């Protein structure tokens, strides 16, 4: 029995081509079916399908859309069902579709014009597994969920233990030789309960708690972003506030945990999830920004973290071609229209938050809007006077750069995050067109006496 990442049901070749191109970019296995009947018959050949994408854009009656969803659900009961509905449907109609078994409902105009498809598919397919450290497994304990290993040659996940497996010493030795292990994102709650059972005040437990808080923040943030993409009325304002409050809570707990560990920078760097140019990098950037805010005395650390989390949600509103160039790190090849669109994404980010009535402070709103501005007024989107720029926003901008430089790509050697941190801060001293003098002086505090002396030598 085979495994399939993405099954698309659509009679529209243009719709299928959009999905196929996305699958090829992310190396997802892909099958296209013209009708739900054809899909239902073919589904017997697959052990599982991660995601089923339904084209219901030409159906204007919600009950008929619900019928298609139910057929897809019968054919693949455990799949994530992504429904692209007609923009003519009301939010109440979308609620009916959601109740019929859809996992999420988006509109056809957004399917072609935005990058919500890319985000949803990467979360459902590629990020269905999250990394954990073998050192966080406790000898002679029992795991009530399976563990996986990522095969480097084909990028597939190999199950290495079944539920109720006892962590014997010989098995743990093999796990540590593998390096990073994975569990299903759906098992994070069980992993949290397991980890909390073995917490203590020693160094290993403090690091374990810190990694756990990071995963919880990551999960709550991605749930918030998925809610933003959902067009059904189930994604209510109250739900948005609840998810936002959960993000704030986990960010606060992570910040406290980071202060308790010996090397917080490495903990975050080793726990981060996602690729360059993706919204899911935001939790790592937020953690770095919170740490630097603490060390340098710039702003209120929790507000800085929340501002960093939300500052690039507007990526979801960018066109597929623009997003592809960002993810491929080919931003210099953007045409004029794509550049203008990219320059507006901080406004898109704030609008996404305000549309769900998230209770943002004025400081957080400024951070979101100003995280790409510059002292020389050559940033975007609004180019305010230099005296109007917040140092908190400069900090978030610097941490996006820190995160981008510290990511390890295929074929590269592992980078030391503290070295990258010092290099980025030193480089900021030369970039007077981007950062203010008072900001770089405050930033020097985070490197200690020796690092601050080096920075003074650079500036002079």
Protein backbone atom coordinates (compact mmCIF):
# COMPACT_ATOMS: atom_id res chain seq x y z
CA UNK A 1 0.00 0.00 0.00
CA UNK A 2 1.33 3.41 -1.01
CA UNK A 3 1.45 6.74 0.80
CA UNK A 4 0.29 9.93 -0.90
CA UNK A 5 0.98 13.49 0.20
CA UNK A 6 -1.60 15.37 -1.86
CA UNK A 7 -4.70 14.25 -3.75
CA UNK A 8 -6.51 16.89 -5.83
CA UNK A 9 -10.11 16.51 -6.99
CA UNK A 10 -10.96 18.99 -9.73
CA UNK A 11 -12.35 19.05 -13.27
CA UNK A 12 -10.53 22.35 -13.88
CA UNK A 13 -7.02 21.93 -15.40
CA UNK A 14 -5.99 25.40 -14.18
CA UNK A 15 -6.94 24.51 -10.61
CA UNK A 16 -5.00 21.23 -10.81
CA UNK A 17 -1.97 22.95 -12.37
CA UNK A 18 -1.80 25.41 -9.44
CA UNK A 19 -1.75 22.51 -6.97
CA UNK A 20 0.71 20.47 -9.05
CA UNK A 21 3.20 23.34 -9.22
CA UNK A 22 2.99 23.77 -5.45
CA UNK A 23 3.55 20.03 -4.93
CA UNK A 24 6.56 20.02 -7.25
CA UNK A 25 8.13 22.99 -5.44
CA UNK A 26 7.90 21.21 -2.08
CA UNK A 27 8.58 17.71 -3.49
CA UNK A 28 5.19 16.33 -2.42
CA UNK A 29 3.81 13.18 -4.04
CA UNK A 30 0.76 14.20 -6.07
CA UNK A 31 -2.25 12.69 -7.81
CA UNK A 32 -5.04 14.44 -9.70
CA UNK A 33 -8.58 13.10 -10.02
CA UNK A 34 -11.25 14.70 -12.21
CA UNK A 35 -14.22 13.56 -10.10
CA UNK A 36 -14.92 12.51 -6.53
CA UNK A 37 -16.05 9.08 -7.82
CA UNK A 38 -12.67 8.57 -9.52
CA UNK A 39 -10.94 9.58 -6.29
CA UNK A 40 -13.08 7.24 -4.19
CA UNK A 41 -12.14 4.23 -6.34
CA UNK A 42 -8.41 5.14 -6.39
CA UNK A 43 -8.27 5.74 -2.63
CA UNK A 44 -8.31 1.97 -2.04
CA UNK A 45 -4.76 1.82 -3.44
CA UNK A 46 -3.32 4.05 -0.72
CA UNK A 47 -2.51 3.31 2.88
CA UNK A 48 -2.97 6.98 3.69
CA UNK A 49 -3.33 10.39 2.05
CA UNK A 50 -2.01 13.36 4.02
CA UNK A 51 -4.22 15.97 2.36
CA UNK A 52 -7.17 15.98 -0.03
CA UNK A 53 -7.73 19.24 -1.91
CA UNK A 54 -11.31 19.69 -3.15
CA UNK A 55 -12.25 22.11 -5.92
CA UNK A 56 -15.80 23.19 -5.06
CA UNK A 57 -15.47 26.62 -6.61
CA UNK A 58 -18.20 26.00 -9.19
CA UNK A 59 -20.76 24.73 -6.66
CA UNK A 60 -22.95 27.45 -5.20
CA UNK A 61 -25.14 25.36 -2.88
CA UNK A 62 -23.49 24.53 0.45
CA UNK A 63 -25.31 21.21 0.82
CA UNK A 64 -23.87 20.03 -2.51
CA UNK A 65 -20.38 21.05 -1.38
CA UNK A 66 -20.98 19.15 1.86
CA UNK A 67 -21.87 16.06 -0.17
CA UNK A 68 -18.54 16.19 -2.03
CA UNK A 69 -16.71 16.60 1.27
CA UNK A 70 -18.44 13.55 2.70
CA UNK A 71 -17.41 11.43 -0.29
CA UNK A 72 -13.79 12.53 0.16
CA UNK A 73 -14.01 11.80 3.88
CA UNK A 74 -15.34 8.29 3.20
CA UNK A 75 -12.55 7.63 0.72
CA UNK A 76 -9.83 8.83 3.08
CA UNK A 77 -11.16 9.10 6.67
CA UNK A 78 -7.92 10.34 8.26
CA UNK A 79 -6.92 12.92 5.65
CA UNK A 80 -6.84 16.68 6.09
CA UNK A 81 -9.65 17.96 3.82
CA UNK A 82 -8.94 21.37 2.29
CA UNK A 83 -11.99 22.80 0.53
CA UNK A 84 -11.73 25.64 -1.97
CA UNK A 85 -15.24 27.07 -2.14
CA UNK A 86 -16.90 29.70 -4.30
CA UNK A 87 -16.36 33.24 -3.04
CA UNK A 88 -20.12 33.65 -3.48
CA UNK A 89 -20.75 31.45 -0.45
CA UNK A 90 -21.51 33.24 2.81
CA UNK A 91 -19.68 32.56 6.06
CA UNK A 92 -22.73 30.62 7.24
CA UNK A 93 -22.51 28.45 4.09
CA UNK A 94 -18.83 27.88 4.84
CA UNK A 95 -19.79 26.81 8.36
CA UNK A 96 -22.09 24.15 6.90
CA UNK A 97 -19.22 22.87 4.74
CA UNK A 98 -16.89 22.81 7.73
CA UNK A 99 -19.44 20.87 9.78
CA UNK A 100 -19.75 18.25 7.02
CA UNK A 101 -16.17 17.11 7.56
CA UNK A 102 -13.89 19.72 6.00
CA UNK A 103 -10.75 20.57 7.93
CA UNK A 104 -10.53 24.09 6.55
CA UNK A 105 -12.43 26.22 4.02
CA UNK A 106 -10.84 28.86 1.79
CA UNK A 107 -12.25 30.84 -1.13
CA UNK A 108 -11.42 30.41 -4.81
CA UNK A 109 -10.16 33.97 -5.29
CA UNK A 110 -7.57 33.43 -2.55
CA UNK A 111 -6.59 30.06 -3.98
CA UNK A 112 -5.14 31.70 -7.08
CA UNK A 113 -4.03 35.08 -5.75
CA UNK A 114 -2.58 34.33 -2.29
CA UNK A 115 -0.05 31.93 -0.76
CA UNK A 116 -2.41 30.39 1.75
CA UNK A 117 -2.31 27.11 -0.17
CA UNK A 118 1.47 26.89 0.26
CA UNK A 119 1.24 27.53 3.98
CA UNK A 120 -1.59 25.07 4.63
CA UNK A 121 0.06 22.27 2.64
CA UNK A 122 3.44 22.68 4.28
CA UNK A 123 1.80 22.54 7.71
CA UNK A 124 -0.36 19.53 6.89
CA UNK A 125 2.24 17.54 4.97
CA UNK A 126 5.80 18.60 5.73
CA UNK A 127 5.28 19.92 9.27
CA UNK A 128 3.01 17.08 10.36
CA UNK A 129 6.10 15.88 12.24
CA UNK A 130 8.01 17.95 14.79
CA UNK A 131 11.57 17.38 16.04
CA UNK A 132 12.53 16.29 19.52
CA UNK A 133 15.90 15.49 21.08
CA UNK A 134 16.90 11.93 21.97
CA UNK A 135 18.35 13.26 25.23
CA UNK A 136 14.80 14.17 26.29
CA UNK A 137 13.82 10.48 26.35
CA UNK A 138 13.94 9.06 29.87
CA UNK A 139 15.59 5.64 30.46
CA UNK A 140 13.10 2.84 31.26
CA UNK A 141 10.10 5.12 30.65
CA UNK A 142 7.24 4.15 28.34
CA UNK A 143 6.17 6.22 25.33
CA UNK A 144 2.48 6.10 24.44
CA UNK A 145 3.07 7.32 20.87
CA UNK A 146 5.37 6.29 18.00
CA UNK A 147 8.75 7.85 17.23
CA UNK A 148 10.09 8.54 13.73
CA UNK A 149 13.41 9.13 12.02
CA UNK A 150 13.79 11.32 8.92
CA UNK A 151 15.57 9.38 6.17
CA UNK A 152 18.08 11.82 4.62
CA UNK A 153 18.06 10.25 1.14
CA UNK A 154 14.34 10.45 0.33
CA UNK A 155 13.00 12.79 3.02
CA UNK A 156 10.48 10.20 4.26
CA UNK A 157 9.72 9.42 7.90
CA UNK A 158 10.58 5.94 9.18
CA UNK A 159 8.75 4.68 12.27
CA UNK A 160 11.33 3.40 14.76
CA UNK A 161 9.08 2.63 17.73
CA UNK A 162 5.47 1.71 18.35
CA UNK A 163 3.20 3.10 21.08
CA UNK A 164 3.89 1.67 24.56
CA UNK A 165 7.56 1.04 23.75
CA UNK A 166 9.85 1.04 26.80
CA UNK A 167 12.95 3.21 26.39
CA UNK A 168 15.66 0.60 27.06
CA UNK A 169 19.28 1.72 27.30
CA UNK A 170 20.36 0.00 24.05
CA UNK A 171 17.46 1.66 22.18
CA UNK A 172 18.34 5.09 23.61
CA UNK A 173 21.95 4.68 22.49
CA UNK A 174 20.75 4.07 18.92
CA UNK A 175 18.41 7.07 19.15
CA UNK A 176 21.24 9.36 20.22
CA UNK A 177 23.34 8.12 17.29
CA UNK A 178 20.50 9.11 14.93
CA UNK A 179 20.52 12.66 16.25
CA UNK A 180 17.12 14.25 15.78
CA UNK A 181 13.92 12.24 16.19
CA UNK A 182 10.34 13.18 15.32
CA UNK A 183 6.85 12.72 16.60
CA UNK A 184 3.54 13.53 14.96
CA UNK A 185 2.33 17.03 15.68
CA UNK A 186 -0.94 15.48 16.82
CA UNK A 187 0.97 13.73 19.63
CA UNK A 188 2.41 16.95 21.08
CA UNK A 189 -0.10 16.93 23.96
CA UNK A 190 0.97 13.42 24.98
CA UNK A 191 4.64 14.43 24.65
CA UNK A 192 3.94 17.42 26.90
CA UNK A 193 2.40 15.17 29.56
CA UNK A 194 5.33 12.75 29.27
CA UNK A 195 7.92 15.53 29.58
CA UNK A 196 6.19 17.11 32.57
CA UNK A 197 6.31 13.80 34.44
CA UNK A 198 10.12 13.92 34.51
CA UNK A 199 10.79 17.58 35.23
CA UNK A 200 13.32 18.53 37.91
CA UNK A 201 15.64 21.44 38.69
CA UNK A 202 18.78 20.00 37.08
CA UNK A 203 20.31 21.40 33.91
CA UNK A 204 18.96 18.66 31.62
CA UNK A 205 15.40 19.12 32.88
CA UNK A 206 15.58 22.90 32.48
CA UNK A 207 16.73 22.49 28.86
CA UNK A 208 13.99 19.90 28.27
CA UNK A 209 11.38 22.30 29.66
CA UNK A 210 12.69 25.08 27.43
CA UNK A 211 12.47 22.93 24.29
CA UNK A 212 8.96 21.90 25.27
CA UNK A 213 7.82 25.51 25.74
CA UNK A 214 9.23 26.37 22.32
CA UNK A 215 7.25 23.54 20.69
CA UNK A 216 4.10 24.68 22.49
CA UNK A 217 4.58 28.25 21.30
CA UNK A 218 5.20 27.02 17.77
CA UNK A 219 2.05 24.89 17.81
CA UNK A 220 -0.19 27.65 19.23
CA UNK A 221 1.15 30.20 16.73
CA UNK A 222 0.58 27.93 13.75
CA UNK A 223 -2.95 27.24 14.99
CA UNK A 224 -3.51 30.99 15.09
CA UNK A 225 -2.23 31.40 11.52
CA UNK A 226 -4.35 28.51 10.24
CA UNK A 227 -7.37 30.12 11.88
CA UNK A 228 -6.63 33.32 9.97
CA UNK A 229 -6.78 31.35 6.70
CA UNK A 230 -10.11 29.67 7.55
CA UNK A 231 -13.10 31.37 5.90
CA UNK A 232 -15.78 29.47 7.82
CA UNK A 233 -17.64 31.22 10.61
CA UNK A 234 -16.19 28.64 12.98
CA UNK A 235 -13.07 30.78 12.89
CA UNK A 236 -14.69 33.41 15.08
CA UNK A 237 -13.33 36.55 16.70
CA UNK A 238 -13.51 34.89 20.11
CA UNK A 239 -11.53 31.92 18.81
CA UNK A 240 -8.91 34.32 17.47
CA UNK A 241 -8.61 36.01 20.86
CA UNK A 242 -8.36 32.66 22.63
CA UNK A 243 -5.58 31.48 20.32
CA UNK A 244 -3.81 34.84 20.66
CA UNK A 245 -3.99 34.65 24.46
CA UNK A 246 -2.55 31.13 24.31
CA UNK A 247 0.36 32.41 22.18
CA UNK A 248 1.04 35.17 24.72
CA UNK A 249 0.94 32.65 27.56
CA UNK A 250 3.40 30.25 25.91
CA UNK A 251 5.67 33.13 24.84
CA UNK A 252 5.79 34.31 28.45
CA UNK A 253 6.55 30.80 29.72
CA UNK A 254 9.23 30.29 27.06
CA UNK A 255 10.86 33.60 28.01
CA UNK A 256 11.05 32.52 31.65
CA UNK A 257 12.46 29.12 30.69
CA UNK A 258 15.11 30.68 28.45
CA UNK A 259 16.39 32.68 31.41
CA UNK A 260 16.95 29.47 33.38
CA UNK A 261 19.11 27.54 30.90
CA UNK A 262 22.84 27.86 30.37
CA UNK A 263 22.81 28.27 26.57
CA UNK A 264 19.35 29.56 25.54
CA UNK A 265 20.47 30.58 22.05
CA UNK A 266 21.41 27.01 21.12
CA UNK A 267 18.18 25.65 22.60
CA UNK A 268 16.14 27.86 20.27
CA UNK A 269 18.40 27.25 17.29
CA UNK A 270 18.15 23.46 17.71
CA UNK A 271 14.37 23.56 18.20
CA UNK A 272 13.37 25.83 15.30
CA UNK A 273 11.04 24.51 12.59
CA UNK A 274 10.55 25.67 9.00
CA UNK A 275 12.45 27.05 6.03
CA UNK A 276 13.66 30.52 5.09
CA UNK A 277 10.83 32.74 3.93
CA UNK A 278 8.09 30.83 5.73
CA UNK A 279 5.73 32.11 8.40
CA UNK A 280 6.67 29.18 10.63
CA UNK A 281 10.11 30.71 11.28
CA UNK A 282 8.40 33.39 13.39
CA UNK A 283 8.60 31.53 16.74
CA UNK A 284 12.40 31.24 16.43
CA UNK A 285 12.70 34.93 15.51
CA UNK A 286 10.41 35.80 18.44
CA UNK A 287 12.56 33.81 20.87
CA UNK A 288 15.76 35.47 19.62
CA UNK A 289 14.12 38.89 19.87
CA UNK A 290 12.92 38.20 23.41
CA UNK A 291 16.42 37.14 24.46
CA UNK A 292 18.06 40.21 22.92
CA UNK A 293 15.41 42.46 24.44
CA UNK A 294 16.33 41.04 27.86
CA UNK A 295 20.09 41.25 27.33
CA UNK A 296 20.14 44.71 25.75
CA UNK A 297 17.31 46.31 27.73
CA UNK A 298 15.41 47.21 24.55
CA UNK A 299 11.64 47.41 25.04
CA UNK A 300 9.45 44.97 26.95
CA UNK A 301 10.59 41.42 26.03
CA UNK A 302 7.11 39.91 25.83
CA UNK A 303 5.80 42.70 23.57
CA UNK A 304 8.86 42.31 21.37
CA UNK A 305 8.23 38.57 21.07
CA UNK A 306 4.57 39.02 20.12
CA UNK A 307 5.46 41.71 17.60
CA UNK A 308 8.00 39.36 16.03
CA UNK A 309 5.46 36.52 15.87
CA UNK A 310 2.94 38.62 13.98
CA UNK A 311 5.17 40.78 11.80
CA UNK A 312 5.20 38.50 8.73
CA UNK A 313 1.76 36.87 8.81
CA UNK A 314 1.15 39.06 5.74
CA UNK A 315 3.21 36.55 3.73
CA UNK A 316 -0.05 34.62 3.38
CA UNK A 317 -1.52 37.42 1.26
CA UNK A 318 1.38 37.50 -1.20
CA UNK A 319 0.96 36.02 -4.67
CA UNK A 320 2.38 32.52 -5.30
CA UNK A 321 5.14 33.86 -7.57
CA UNK A 322 6.29 36.37 -4.94
CA UNK A 323 6.30 33.77 -2.19
CA UNK A 324 8.23 31.31 -4.35
CA UNK A 325 11.02 33.85 -4.82
CA UNK A 326 11.13 34.60 -1.10
CA UNK A 327 11.29 30.91 -0.17
CA UNK A 328 13.98 30.31 -2.81
CA UNK A 329 15.99 33.30 -1.55
CA UNK A 330 15.73 34.89 -5.02
CA UNK A 331 14.21 38.19 -3.97
CA UNK A 332 16.50 40.16 -6.29
CA UNK A 333 14.73 38.57 -9.25
CA UNK A 334 11.32 40.00 -8.27
CA UNK A 335 9.68 42.16 -10.91
CA UNK A 336 8.26 45.58 -10.06
CA UNK A 337 4.78 44.31 -9.25
CA UNK A 338 6.13 41.58 -6.97
CA UNK A 339 8.38 44.06 -5.17
CA UNK A 340 5.49 46.44 -4.53
CA UNK A 341 3.43 43.55 -3.21
CA UNK A 342 6.25 42.40 -0.92
CA UNK A 343 6.73 45.96 0.38
CA UNK A 344 3.10 45.97 1.52
CA UNK A 345 3.22 42.75 3.51
CA UNK A 346 3.67 44.45 6.94
CA UNK A 347 0.37 46.24 6.27
CA UNK A 348 -1.17 42.90 5.30
CA UNK A 349 0.14 41.45 8.59
CA UNK A 350 -1.47 44.14 10.71
CA UNK A 351 -4.73 43.94 8.74
CA UNK A 352 -4.89 40.17 9.31
CA UNK A 353 -4.57 40.74 13.07
CA UNK A 354 -7.07 43.59 13.18
CA UNK A 355 -9.61 41.70 11.06
CA UNK A 356 -9.74 39.06 13.81
CA UNK A 357 -9.82 41.81 16.45
CA UNK A 358 -6.69 40.58 18.22
CA UNK A 359 -6.05 42.79 21.29
CA UNK A 360 -2.73 44.31 20.20
CA UNK A 361 -1.04 47.14 22.11
CA UNK A 362 0.12 50.22 20.20
CA UNK A 363 3.73 49.08 20.68
CA UNK A 364 3.01 45.71 19.05
CA UNK A 365 1.19 47.40 16.16
CA UNK A 366 4.23 49.64 15.60
CA UNK A 367 6.60 46.66 15.69
CA UNK A 368 4.52 44.84 13.05
CA UNK A 369 4.42 47.90 10.76
CA UNK A 370 8.03 49.01 11.30
CA UNK A 371 9.94 45.71 11.26
CA UNK A 372 11.23 46.48 7.72
CA UNK A 373 11.76 50.24 8.04
CA UNK A 374 15.19 51.95 8.00
CA UNK A 375 16.82 55.05 9.42
CA UNK A 376 17.50 56.38 5.90
CA UNK A 377 13.79 56.08 5.04
CA UNK A 378 14.48 53.51 2.30
CA UNK A 379 12.60 50.73 4.04
CA UNK A 380 8.93 49.83 3.74
CA UNK A 381 5.97 50.18 3.83
CA UNK A 382 5.51 53.74 5.18
CA UNK A 383 9.04 55.21 5.48
CA UNK A 384 8.45 57.23 8.69
CA UNK A 385 10.88 59.86 10.04
CA UNK A 386 13.89 58.30 11.84
CA UNK A 387 12.79 59.69 15.20
CA UNK A 388 9.51 57.78 14.85
CA UNK A 389 11.18 54.36 14.50
CA UNK A 390 11.01 52.03 17.48
CA UNK A 391 14.13 50.19 18.61
CA UNK A 392 11.90 47.16 19.27
CA UNK A 393 11.10 47.02 15.52
CA UNK A 394 14.82 47.32 14.69
CA UNK A 395 15.43 44.40 17.05
CA UNK A 396 12.89 42.21 15.25
CA UNK A 397 14.42 43.12 11.88
CA UNK A 398 17.87 42.17 13.12
CA UNK A 399 16.58 38.86 14.51
CA UNK A 400 15.03 37.89 11.16
CA UNK A 401 18.51 38.34 9.70
CA UNK A 402 20.05 36.38 12.58
CA UNK A 403 17.64 33.51 11.98
CA UNK A 404 18.22 33.51 8.22
CA UNK A 405 21.99 33.34 8.64
CA UNK A 406 21.89 30.64 11.33
CA UNK A 407 19.77 28.16 9.36
CA UNK A 408 21.62 25.13 8.08
CA UNK A 409 20.82 24.19 4.47
CA UNK A 410 21.48 20.94 2.69
CA UNK A 411 25.21 20.28 2.30
CA UNK A 412 26.28 22.98 4.77
CA UNK A 413 28.08 22.54 8.08
CA UNK A 414 26.33 23.15 11.37
CA UNK A 415 26.64 26.80 12.42
CA UNK A 416 27.27 28.06 15.96
CA UNK A 417 24.42 30.41 16.81
CA UNK A 418 26.41 32.49 19.32
CA UNK A 419 29.06 33.19 16.67
CA UNK A 420 26.35 34.20 14.17
CA UNK A 421 24.80 36.42 16.83
CA UNK A 422 28.07 38.30 17.40
CA UNK A 423 28.69 38.67 13.65
CA UNK A 424 25.19 40.05 13.02
CA UNK A 425 25.45 42.52 15.90
CA UNK A 426 28.89 43.65 14.76
CA UNK A 427 27.58 44.15 11.23
CA UNK A 428 24.74 46.29 12.61
CA UNK A 429 27.30 48.80 13.86
CA UNK A 430 28.31 49.56 10.28
CA UNK A 431 24.72 49.82 9.04
CA UNK A 432 23.91 53.35 10.18
CA UNK A 433 21.45 53.61 7.31
CA UNK A 434 19.34 50.88 8.93
CA UNK A 435 19.85 51.19 12.67
CA UNK A 436 20.11 54.12 15.06
CA UNK A 437 23.21 54.84 17.14
CA UNK A 438 21.34 54.40 20.41
CA UNK A 439 20.06 51.01 19.22
CA UNK A 440 23.52 49.66 18.41
CA UNK A 441 24.90 50.99 21.70
CA UNK A 442 22.17 49.20 23.61
CA UNK A 443 22.67 46.11 21.50
CA UNK A 444 26.35 45.99 22.48
CA UNK A 445 25.28 45.19 26.04
CA UNK A 446 24.17 41.75 24.92
CA UNK A 447 27.76 40.72 24.06
CA UNK A 448 29.30 41.48 27.44
CA UNK A 449 32.42 43.57 28.06
CA UNK A 450 34.65 41.86 25.48
CA UNK A 451 32.04 41.97 22.73
CA UNK A 452 31.17 45.59 23.51
CA UNK A 453 34.83 46.55 23.24
CA UNK A 454 35.02 44.91 19.81
CA UNK A 455 32.00 46.91 18.69
CA UNK A 456 33.52 50.17 19.87
CA UNK A 457 36.62 49.38 17.79
CA UNK A 458 34.45 48.76 14.73
CA UNK A 459 32.58 52.05 15.12
CA UNK A 460 35.77 54.06 15.62
